[in-house]
Amino acid sequence: MYAQKENKYQSNINSVVQKKRSIKQGVGLVDNRDRSITQRSITDDSTGITYHDMGTLIRAMKGAGVWDNSLGKSLGRKVNSNETHHATSLASLALGLQQAHQSSRASNVIGNNREQRVAVLMGGNVAKINGRDEEVVIGDDGNTTPIDVRSPTAIGIVGGAAKAENLSHFKARVLELKKAANYNGLNAEVWQDPNTPDSVILAARAIIGKNNVYNIETGKVFEISSKVPIKKILLLTGASLVLALAWWLRNRNEVVVEE
């Protein structure tokens, strides 16, 4: 009897393992993409050579003495941003990648400084684990969302004017932040640079409320100025004067007849 139970147990194990193998094999084999459409490429206009394989392109750039390993991430972003690219030469491509790399590093420094400041203002810390943004669970399904800062009572994200470039993505992040905060019994906070466009601030307010959107510089709730710019006032005033003058010119020669 013991031998029968053991054989049955082993049979169940084999069945589970076989199913897992089948699933892995299925996932590995399914790829119905049309590679003629999805394939990225970069063309060197000075030679007319088109590089479809990034490894081949990197080797060519190394051969031309214009490659640096620090450019790999910038090249990856460039290739994944569109399907086809052109470069005047490999040297010009390398220069462009170097400039993008330097810009990226500068942005990272600015972002890190923002997060450090907000962490102090919140009385918390920058939310990093092994150099990556901390992921916080947003629900029972186990899905997570990245955060930038946290304190004993709140979790938050930090940003600047660039959030306006992809407002729909920003809204999705704020919504996930709210879900994560609610699920973990914390408050959701959005911290933005003072030069952030009103559209970004209003979008965040609509999701987590006005009192949870903060100004990084002041450390207080982000206030949107309700004052009309002087330039706009002058334009409106000028337009009104023009309309009034036109009306006067049209009606100045009319004679009023009294009965």
C-alpha atoms as a PDB file:
ATOM      1  CA  MET A   1       0.000   0.000   0.000  1.00  0.00           C
ATOM      2  CA  TYR A   2       2.822   2.392   0.887  1.00  0.00           C
ATOM      3  CA  ALA A   3       4.476   1.664  -2.466  1.00  0.00           C
ATOM      4  CA  GLN A   4       1.201   2.410  -4.278  1.00  0.00           C
ATOM      5  CA  LYS A   5       0.849   5.793  -2.507  1.00  0.00           C
ATOM      6  CA  GLU A   6       4.461   6.649  -3.294  1.00  0.00           C
ATOM      7  CA  ASN A   7       3.986   5.777  -6.976  1.00  0.00           C
ATOM      8  CA  LYS A   8       0.802   7.862  -7.097  1.00  0.00           C
ATOM      9  CA  TYR A   9       2.608  10.828  -5.483  1.00  0.00           C
ATOM     10  CA  GLN A  10       5.493  10.531  -7.950  1.00  0.00           C
ATOM     11  CA  SER A  11       3.012  10.319 -10.828  1.00  0.00           C
ATOM     12  CA  ASN A  12       1.371  13.584  -9.712  1.00  0.00           C
ATOM     13  CA  ILE A  13       4.774  15.299  -9.529  1.00  0.00           C
ATOM     14  CA  ASN A  14       5.661  14.107 -13.034  1.00  0.00           C
ATOM     15  CA  SER A  15       2.322  15.385 -14.304  1.00  0.00           C
ATOM     16  CA  VAL A  16       2.885  18.877 -12.833  1.00  0.00           C
ATOM     17  CA  VAL A  17       6.439  19.046 -14.175  1.00  0.00           C
ATOM     18  CA  GLN A  18       5.259  17.968 -17.627  1.00  0.00           C
ATOM     19  CA  LYS A  19       2.574  20.674 -17.619  1.00  0.00           C
ATOM     20  CA  LYS A  20       5.102  23.350 -16.664  1.00  0.00           C
ATOM     21  CA  ARG A  21       7.421  22.191 -19.437  1.00  0.00           C
ATOM     22  CA  SER A  22       4.560  22.323 -21.935  1.00  0.00           C
ATOM     23  CA  ILE A  23       3.669  25.859 -20.887  1.00  0.00           C
ATOM     24  CA  LYS A  24       7.291  27.048 -21.170  1.00  0.00           C
ATOM     25  CA  GLN A  25       7.678  25.413 -24.568  1.00  0.00           C
ATOM     26  CA  GLY A  26       4.442  26.986 -25.775  1.00  0.00           C
ATOM     27  CA  VAL A  27       5.481  30.452 -24.689  1.00  0.00           C
ATOM     28  CA  GLY A  28       8.889  30.060 -26.277  1.00  0.00           C
ATOM     29  CA  LEU A  29       7.514  28.989 -29.657  1.00  0.00           C
ATOM     30  CA  VAL A  30       4.739  31.561 -30.091  1.00  0.00           C
ATOM     31  CA  ASP A  31       6.067  34.529 -32.073  1.00  0.00           C
ATOM     32  CA  ASN A  32       3.860  35.567 -34.952  1.00  0.00           C
ATOM     33  CA  ARG A  33       5.320  39.052 -35.397  1.00  0.00           C
ATOM     34  CA  ASP A  34       6.099  40.248 -38.899  1.00  0.00           C
ATOM     35  CA  ARG A  35       9.818  41.007 -38.516  1.00  0.00           C
ATOM     36  CA  SER A  36       9.844  42.939 -41.780  1.00  0.00           C
ATOM     37  CA  ILE A  37       7.640  45.497 -39.999  1.00  0.00           C
ATOM     38  CA  THR A  38       8.996  45.458 -36.449  1.00  0.00           C
ATOM     39  CA  GLN A  39      12.702  45.330 -37.346  1.00  0.00           C
ATOM     40  CA  ARG A  40      14.607  48.497 -36.441  1.00  0.00           C
ATOM     41  CA  SER A  41      17.509  49.853 -38.450  1.00  0.00           C
ATOM     42  CA  ILE A  42      20.054  52.659 -38.682  1.00  0.00           C
ATOM     43  CA  THR A  43      21.496  53.778 -42.014  1.00  0.00           C
ATOM     44  CA  ASP A  44      24.930  55.376 -42.372  1.00  0.00           C
ATOM     45  CA  ASP A  45      24.264  57.876 -45.156  1.00  0.00           C
ATOM     46  CA  SER A  46      27.990  58.378 -45.822  1.00  0.00           C
ATOM     47  CA  THR A  47      28.370  54.760 -46.967  1.00  0.00           C
ATOM     48  CA  GLY A  48      24.766  53.761 -47.663  1.00  0.00           C
ATOM     49  CA  ILE A  49      25.091  50.803 -45.290  1.00  0.00           C
ATOM     50  CA  THR A  50      21.993  49.924 -43.271  1.00  0.00           C
ATOM     51  CA  TYR A  51      22.520  48.151 -39.957  1.00  0.00           C
ATOM     52  CA  HIS A  52      19.631  45.914 -38.901  1.00  0.00           C
ATOM     53  CA  ASP A  53      21.628  44.201 -36.174  1.00  0.00           C
ATOM     54  CA  MET A  54      22.859  46.430 -33.366  1.00  0.00           C
ATOM     55  CA  GLY A  55      25.797  44.115 -32.670  1.00  0.00           C
ATOM     56  CA  THR A  56      27.056  44.623 -36.201  1.00  0.00           C
ATOM     57  CA  LEU A  57      26.591  48.388 -35.877  1.00  0.00           C
ATOM     58  CA  ILE A  58      28.552  48.502 -32.606  1.00  0.00           C
ATOM     59  CA  ARG A  59      31.394  46.493 -34.151  1.00  0.00           C
ATOM     60  CA  ALA A  60      31.458  48.925 -37.099  1.00  0.00           C
ATOM     61  CA  MET A  61      31.587  51.889 -34.730  1.00  0.00           C
ATOM     62  CA  LYS A  62      34.399  50.244 -32.775  1.00  0.00           C
ATOM     63  CA  GLY A  63      36.273  49.696 -36.040  1.00  0.00           C
ATOM     64  CA  ALA A  64      35.841  53.381 -36.848  1.00  0.00           C
ATOM     65  CA  GLY A  65      37.141  54.276 -33.381  1.00  0.00           C
ATOM     66  CA  VAL A  66      33.947  56.127 -32.370  1.00  0.00           C
ATOM     67  CA  TRP A  67      32.346  53.656 -29.954  1.00  0.00           C
ATOM     68  CA  ASP A  68      32.259  53.931 -26.180  1.00  0.00           C
ATOM     69  CA  ASN A  69      30.526  51.391 -23.946  1.00  0.00           C
ATOM     70  CA  SER A  70      28.703  54.168 -22.087  1.00  0.00           C
ATOM     71  CA  LEU A  71      26.700  54.854 -25.264  1.00  0.00           C
ATOM     72  CA  GLY A  72      24.894  51.514 -25.196  1.00  0.00           C
ATOM     73  CA  LYS A  73      21.830  52.722 -23.301  1.00  0.00           C
ATOM     74  CA  SER A  74      21.441  55.801 -25.514  1.00  0.00           C
ATOM     75  CA  LEU A  75      21.681  53.620 -28.619  1.00  0.00           C
ATOM     76  CA  GLY A  76      19.012  51.320 -27.209  1.00  0.00           C
ATOM     77  CA  ARG A  77      16.646  54.238 -26.600  1.00  0.00           C
ATOM     78  CA  LYS A  78      17.234  55.601 -30.101  1.00  0.00           C
ATOM     79  CA  VAL A  79      16.600  52.279 -31.797  1.00  0.00           C
ATOM     80  CA  ASN A  80      13.466  51.531 -29.771  1.00  0.00           C
ATOM     81  CA  SER A  81      11.979  54.979 -30.321  1.00  0.00           C
ATOM     82  CA  ASN A  82      11.237  54.386 -33.989  1.00  0.00           C
ATOM     83  CA  GLU A  83      11.633  51.833 -36.787  1.00  0.00           C
ATOM     84  CA  THR A  84      14.225  53.561 -38.991  1.00  0.00           C
ATOM     85  CA  HIS A  85      16.962  56.121 -38.405  1.00  0.00           C
ATOM     86  CA  HIS A  86      19.578  57.868 -40.555  1.00  0.00           C
ATOM     87  CA  ALA A  87      22.983  59.195 -39.538  1.00  0.00           C
ATOM     88  CA  THR A  88      25.281  61.414 -41.587  1.00  0.00           C
ATOM     89  CA  SER A  89      28.138  59.136 -40.533  1.00  0.00           C
ATOM     90  CA  LEU A  90      29.090  56.757 -37.738  1.00  0.00           C
ATOM     91  CA  ALA A  91      31.027  59.602 -36.109  1.00  0.00           C
ATOM     92  CA  SER A  92      27.964  61.860 -36.113  1.00  0.00           C
ATOM     93  CA  LEU A  93      25.870  59.019 -34.717  1.00  0.00           C
ATOM     94  CA  ALA A  94      28.379  58.549 -31.890  1.00  0.00           C
ATOM     95  CA  LEU A  95      28.332  62.300 -31.169  1.00  0.00           C
ATOM     96  CA  GLY A  96      24.554  62.313 -30.990  1.00  0.00           C
ATOM     97  CA  LEU A  97      24.555  59.318 -28.655  1.00  0.00           C
ATOM     98  CA  GLN A  98      27.181  60.977 -26.461  1.00  0.00           C
ATOM     99  CA  GLN A  99      25.069  64.137 -26.178  1.00  0.00           C
ATOM    100  CA  ALA A 100      22.002  62.053 -25.337  1.00  0.00           C
ATOM    101  CA  HIS A 101      24.023  60.173 -22.718  1.00  0.00           C
ATOM    102  CA  GLN A 102      25.205  63.407 -21.108  1.00  0.00           C
ATOM    103  CA  SER A 103      21.673  64.812 -21.143  1.00  0.00           C
ATOM    104  CA  SER A 104      20.380  61.625 -19.538  1.00  0.00           C
ATOM    105  CA  ARG A 105      23.033  61.802 -16.808  1.00  0.00           C
ATOM    106  CA  ALA A 106      22.164  65.454 -16.122  1.00  0.00           C
ATOM    107  CA  SER A 107      18.475  64.562 -15.890  1.00  0.00           C
ATOM    108  CA  ASN A 108      19.275  61.758 -13.474  1.00  0.00           C
ATOM    109  CA  VAL A 109      21.235  64.151 -11.243  1.00  0.00           C
ATOM    110  CA  ILE A 110      18.333  66.623 -11.229  1.00  0.00           C
ATOM    111  CA  GLY A 111      15.876  63.827 -10.480  1.00  0.00           C
ATOM    112  CA  ASN A 112      17.990  62.465  -7.633  1.00  0.00           C
ATOM    113  CA  ASN A 113      18.330  65.934  -6.097  1.00  0.00           C
ATOM    114  CA  ARG A 114      14.570  66.419  -6.251  1.00  0.00           C
ATOM    115  CA  GLU A 115      13.922  63.109  -4.537  1.00  0.00           C
ATOM    116  CA  GLN A 116      16.468  63.841  -1.809  1.00  0.00           C
ATOM    117  CA  ARG A 117      14.823  67.184  -1.072  1.00  0.00           C
ATOM    118  CA  VAL A 118      11.316  65.737  -1.005  1.00  0.00           C
ATOM    119  CA  ALA A 119      12.416  62.901   1.284  1.00  0.00           C
ATOM    120  CA  VAL A 120      13.614  65.497   3.811  1.00  0.00           C
ATOM    121  CA  LEU A 121      10.403  67.527   3.488  1.00  0.00           C
ATOM    122  CA  MET A 122       8.302  64.380   4.017  1.00  0.00           C
ATOM    123  CA  GLY A 123      10.379  63.219   6.955  1.00  0.00           C
ATOM    124  CA  GLY A 124      11.076  59.985   5.112  1.00  0.00           C
ATOM    125  CA  ASN A 125      13.540  58.581   2.595  1.00  0.00           C
ATOM    126  CA  VAL A 126      14.154  58.033  -1.110  1.00  0.00           C
ATOM    127  CA  ALA A 127      12.488  54.754  -2.066  1.00  0.00           C
ATOM    128  CA  LYS A 128      15.294  52.769  -3.671  1.00  0.00           C
ATOM    129  CA  ILE A 129      16.123  49.060  -3.463  1.00  0.00           C
ATOM    130  CA  ASN A 130      19.433  48.016  -5.026  1.00  0.00           C
ATOM    131  CA  GLY A 131      19.494  51.245  -7.005  1.00  0.00           C
ATOM    132  CA  ARG A 132      15.991  50.784  -8.429  1.00  0.00           C
ATOM    133  CA  ASP A 133      12.691  52.463  -7.555  1.00  0.00           C
ATOM    134  CA  GLU A 134      10.847  50.567  -4.850  1.00  0.00           C
ATOM    135  CA  GLU A 135       7.806  48.656  -6.100  1.00  0.00           C
ATOM    136  CA  VAL A 136       4.670  48.818  -3.935  1.00  0.00           C
ATOM    137  CA  VAL A 137       1.767  46.360  -4.187  1.00  0.00           C
ATOM    138  CA  ILE A 138      -1.447  47.973  -5.441  1.00  0.00           C
ATOM    139  CA  GLY A 139      -3.933  45.155  -4.834  1.00  0.00           C
ATOM    140  CA  ASP A 140      -4.706  41.526  -4.095  1.00  0.00           C
ATOM    141  CA  ASP A 141      -3.622  40.552  -7.613  1.00  0.00           C
ATOM    142  CA  GLY A 142      -0.002  41.282  -6.632  1.00  0.00           C
ATOM    143  CA  ASN A 143       0.567  43.985  -9.240  1.00  0.00           C
ATOM    144  CA  THR A 144       2.977  46.731  -8.214  1.00  0.00           C
ATOM    145  CA  THR A 145       3.826  50.321  -9.047  1.00  0.00           C
ATOM    146  CA  PRO A 146       7.138  52.204  -8.606  1.00  0.00           C
ATOM    147  CA  ILE A 147       7.432  55.056  -6.109  1.00  0.00           C
ATOM    148  CA  ASP A 148      10.105  57.707  -5.613  1.00  0.00           C
ATOM    149  CA  VAL A 149       9.793  58.572  -1.918  1.00  0.00           C
ATOM    150  CA  ARG A 150       8.135  57.290   1.238  1.00  0.00           C
ATOM    151  CA  SER A 151       7.569  58.284   4.843  1.00  0.00           C
ATOM    152  CA  PRO A 152       5.894  56.485   7.771  1.00  0.00           C
ATOM    153  CA  THR A 153       2.525  57.841   6.610  1.00  0.00           C
ATOM    154  CA  ALA A 154       2.808  58.406   2.852  1.00  0.00           C
ATOM    155  CA  ILE A 155       4.253  57.278  -0.469  1.00  0.00           C
ATOM    156  CA  GLY A 156       4.863  59.604  -3.384  1.00  0.00           C
ATOM    157  CA  ILE A 157       6.199  60.329  -6.832  1.00  0.00           C
ATOM    158  CA  VAL A 158       8.387  63.295  -7.778  1.00  0.00           C
ATOM    159  CA  GLY A 159       8.730  65.146 -11.084  1.00  0.00           C
ATOM    160  CA  GLY A 160       8.943  68.314 -13.111  1.00  0.00           C
ATOM    161  CA  ALA A 161       7.636  70.005 -16.238  1.00  0.00           C
ATOM    162  CA  ALA A 162       8.455  66.985 -18.433  1.00  0.00           C
ATOM    163  CA  LYS A 163       5.387  65.199 -17.034  1.00  0.00           C
ATOM    164  CA  ALA A 164       3.297  67.325 -19.401  1.00  0.00           C
ATOM    165  CA  GLU A 165       4.916  65.633 -22.424  1.00  0.00           C
ATOM    166  CA  ASN A 166       2.973  62.431 -21.719  1.00  0.00           C
ATOM    167  CA  LEU A 167       0.039  63.454 -19.564  1.00  0.00           C
ATOM    168  CA  SER A 168      -1.843  60.177 -20.012  1.00  0.00           C
ATOM    169  CA  HIS A 169       1.140  58.208 -18.664  1.00  0.00           C
ATOM    170  CA  PHE A 170       1.408  60.623 -15.727  1.00  0.00           C
ATOM    171  CA  LYS A 171      -2.289  60.189 -14.917  1.00  0.00           C
ATOM    172  CA  ALA A 172      -1.900  56.410 -14.986  1.00  0.00           C
ATOM    173  CA  ARG A 173       1.043  56.615 -12.560  1.00  0.00           C
ATOM    174  CA  VAL A 174      -0.881  58.845 -10.153  1.00  0.00           C
ATOM    175  CA  LEU A 175      -3.877  56.500 -10.288  1.00  0.00           C
ATOM    176  CA  GLU A 176      -1.647  53.512  -9.480  1.00  0.00           C
ATOM    177  CA  LEU A 177      -0.027  55.519  -6.681  1.00  0.00           C
ATOM    178  CA  LYS A 178      -3.469  56.162  -5.198  1.00  0.00           C
ATOM    179  CA  LYS A 179      -4.355  52.459  -5.391  1.00  0.00           C
ATOM    180  CA  ALA A 180      -1.079  51.489  -3.717  1.00  0.00           C
ATOM    181  CA  ALA A 181      -1.571  54.050  -0.964  1.00  0.00           C
ATOM    182  CA  ASN A 182      -5.134  52.924  -0.272  1.00  0.00           C
ATOM    183  CA  TYR A 183      -4.143  49.257  -0.282  1.00  0.00           C
ATOM    184  CA  ASN A 184      -1.302  49.829   2.189  1.00  0.00           C
ATOM    185  CA  GLY A 185      -3.130  52.298   4.432  1.00  0.00           C
ATOM    186  CA  LEU A 186      -0.955  55.268   3.444  1.00  0.00           C
ATOM    187  CA  ASN A 187      -1.446  58.691   1.918  1.00  0.00           C
ATOM    188  CA  ALA A 188      -0.634  59.347  -1.759  1.00  0.00           C
ATOM    189  CA  GLU A 189       1.434  62.450  -2.520  1.00  0.00           C
ATOM    190  CA  VAL A 190       2.650  64.037  -5.760  1.00  0.00           C
ATOM    191  CA  TRP A 191       5.580  66.478  -5.569  1.00  0.00           C
ATOM    192  CA  GLN A 192       6.290  68.760  -8.551  1.00  0.00           C
ATOM    193  CA  ASP A 193       8.753  71.492  -9.510  1.00  0.00           C
ATOM    194  CA  PRO A 194       7.355  75.048  -9.367  1.00  0.00           C
ATOM    195  CA  ASN A 195       7.677  75.349 -13.165  1.00  0.00           C
ATOM    196  CA  THR A 196       5.299  72.425 -13.755  1.00  0.00           C
ATOM    197  CA  PRO A 197       2.478  73.292 -16.211  1.00  0.00           C
ATOM    198  CA  ASP A 198      -1.001  73.747 -14.730  1.00  0.00           C
ATOM    199  CA  SER A 199      -2.291  70.786 -16.758  1.00  0.00           C
ATOM    200  CA  VAL A 200      -0.083  68.402 -14.760  1.00  0.00           C
ATOM    201  CA  ILE A 201      -1.077  69.848 -11.401  1.00  0.00           C
ATOM    202  CA  LEU A 202      -4.792  69.788 -12.259  1.00  0.00           C
ATOM    203  CA  ALA A 203      -4.528  66.179 -13.465  1.00  0.00           C
ATOM    204  CA  ALA A 204      -2.928  65.091 -10.180  1.00  0.00           C
ATOM    205  CA  ARG A 205      -5.464  67.041  -8.119  1.00  0.00           C
ATOM    206  CA  ALA A 206      -8.345  65.348  -9.928  1.00  0.00           C
ATOM    207  CA  ILE A 207      -7.063  61.934  -8.824  1.00  0.00           C
ATOM    208  CA  ILE A 208      -5.640  62.397  -5.317  1.00  0.00           C
ATOM    209  CA  GLY A 209      -7.059  65.773  -4.261  1.00  0.00           C
ATOM    210  CA  LYS A 210      -5.663  69.305  -4.116  1.00  0.00           C
ATOM    211  CA  ASN A 211      -4.128  68.939  -0.648  1.00  0.00           C
ATOM    212  CA  ASN A 212      -1.944  66.008  -1.740  1.00  0.00           C
ATOM    213  CA  VAL A 213      -0.119  67.800  -4.571  1.00  0.00           C
ATOM    214  CA  TYR A 214       2.957  69.653  -3.314  1.00  0.00           C
ATOM    215  CA  ASN A 215       5.472  72.230  -4.536  1.00  0.00           C
ATOM    216  CA  ILE A 216       9.032  70.904  -4.178  1.00  0.00           C
ATOM    217  CA  GLU A 217      10.461  74.380  -3.671  1.00  0.00           C
ATOM    218  CA  THR A 218       8.104  75.577  -0.927  1.00  0.00           C
ATOM    219  CA  GLY A 219       7.240  72.235   0.631  1.00  0.00           C
ATOM    220  CA  LYS A 220       3.601  73.337   0.692  1.00  0.00           C
ATOM    221  CA  VAL A 221       0.458  72.481  -1.257  1.00  0.00           C
ATOM    222  CA  PHE A 222       0.941  73.479  -4.898  1.00  0.00           C
ATOM    223  CA  GLU A 223      -0.926  76.700  -5.620  1.00  0.00           C
ATOM    224  CA  ILE A 224      -1.920  77.623  -9.160  1.00  0.00           C
ATOM    225  CA  SER A 225      -1.989  81.378  -9.760  1.00  0.00           C
ATOM    226  CA  SER A 226      -5.464  82.590 -10.714  1.00  0.00           C
ATOM    227  CA  LYS A 227      -4.158  85.927 -11.938  1.00  0.00           C
ATOM    228  CA  VAL A 228      -4.526  86.725 -15.627  1.00  0.00           C
ATOM    229  CA  PRO A 229      -1.119  87.564 -17.183  1.00  0.00           C
ATOM    230  CA  ILE A 230      -0.589  91.287 -17.875  1.00  0.00           C
ATOM    231  CA  LYS A 231       0.073  90.573 -21.565  1.00  0.00           C
ATOM    232  CA  LYS A 232      -3.324  88.883 -21.866  1.00  0.00           C
ATOM    233  CA  ILE A 233      -5.031  91.800 -20.094  1.00  0.00           C
ATOM    234  CA  LEU A 234      -3.437  94.280 -22.523  1.00  0.00           C
ATOM    235  CA  LEU A 235      -4.539  92.220 -25.508  1.00  0.00           C
ATOM    236  CA  LEU A 236      -8.120  92.020 -24.230  1.00  0.00           C
ATOM    237  CA  THR A 237      -8.171  95.748 -23.416  1.00  0.00           C
ATOM    238  CA  GLY A 238      -6.797  96.613 -26.854  1.00  0.00           C
ATOM    239  CA  ALA A 239      -9.409  94.448 -28.552  1.00  0.00           C
ATOM    240  CA  SER A 240     -12.187  96.116 -26.557  1.00  0.00           C
ATOM    241  CA  LEU A 241     -10.947  99.588 -27.542  1.00  0.00           C
ATOM    242  CA  VAL A 242     -10.847  98.629 -31.218  1.00  0.00           C
ATOM    243  CA  LEU A 243     -14.437  97.350 -31.080  1.00  0.00           C
ATOM    244  CA  ALA A 244     -15.599 100.492 -29.265  1.00  0.00           C
ATOM    245  CA  LEU A 245     -13.915 102.752 -31.849  1.00  0.00           C
ATOM    246  CA  ALA A 246     -15.449 100.791 -34.722  1.00  0.00           C
ATOM    247  CA  TRP A 247     -18.899 101.149 -33.181  1.00  0.00           C
ATOM    248  CA  TRP A 248     -18.455 104.925 -32.712  1.00  0.00           C
ATOM    249  CA  LEU A 249     -17.284 105.435 -36.299  1.00  0.00           C
ATOM    250  CA  ARG A 250     -20.240 103.494 -37.619  1.00  0.00           C
ATOM    251  CA  ASN A 251     -22.823 105.402 -35.590  1.00  0.00           C
ATOM    252  CA  ARG A 252     -21.437 108.948 -35.312  1.00  0.00           C
ATOM    253  CA  ASN A 253     -23.340 110.336 -38.339  1.00  0.00           C
ATOM    254  CA  GLU A 254     -26.715 108.888 -37.403  1.00  0.00           C
ATOM    255  CA  VAL A 255     -29.364 111.520 -36.703  1.00  0.00           C
ATOM    256  CA  VAL A 256     -31.840 110.929 -33.935  1.00  0.00           C
ATOM    257  CA  VAL A 257     -35.315 112.072 -34.932  1.00  0.00           C
ATOM    258  CA  GLU A 258     -37.694 112.936 -32.134  1.00  0.00           C
ATOM    259  CA  GLU A 259     -41.443 112.965 -32.685  1.00  0.00           C
END
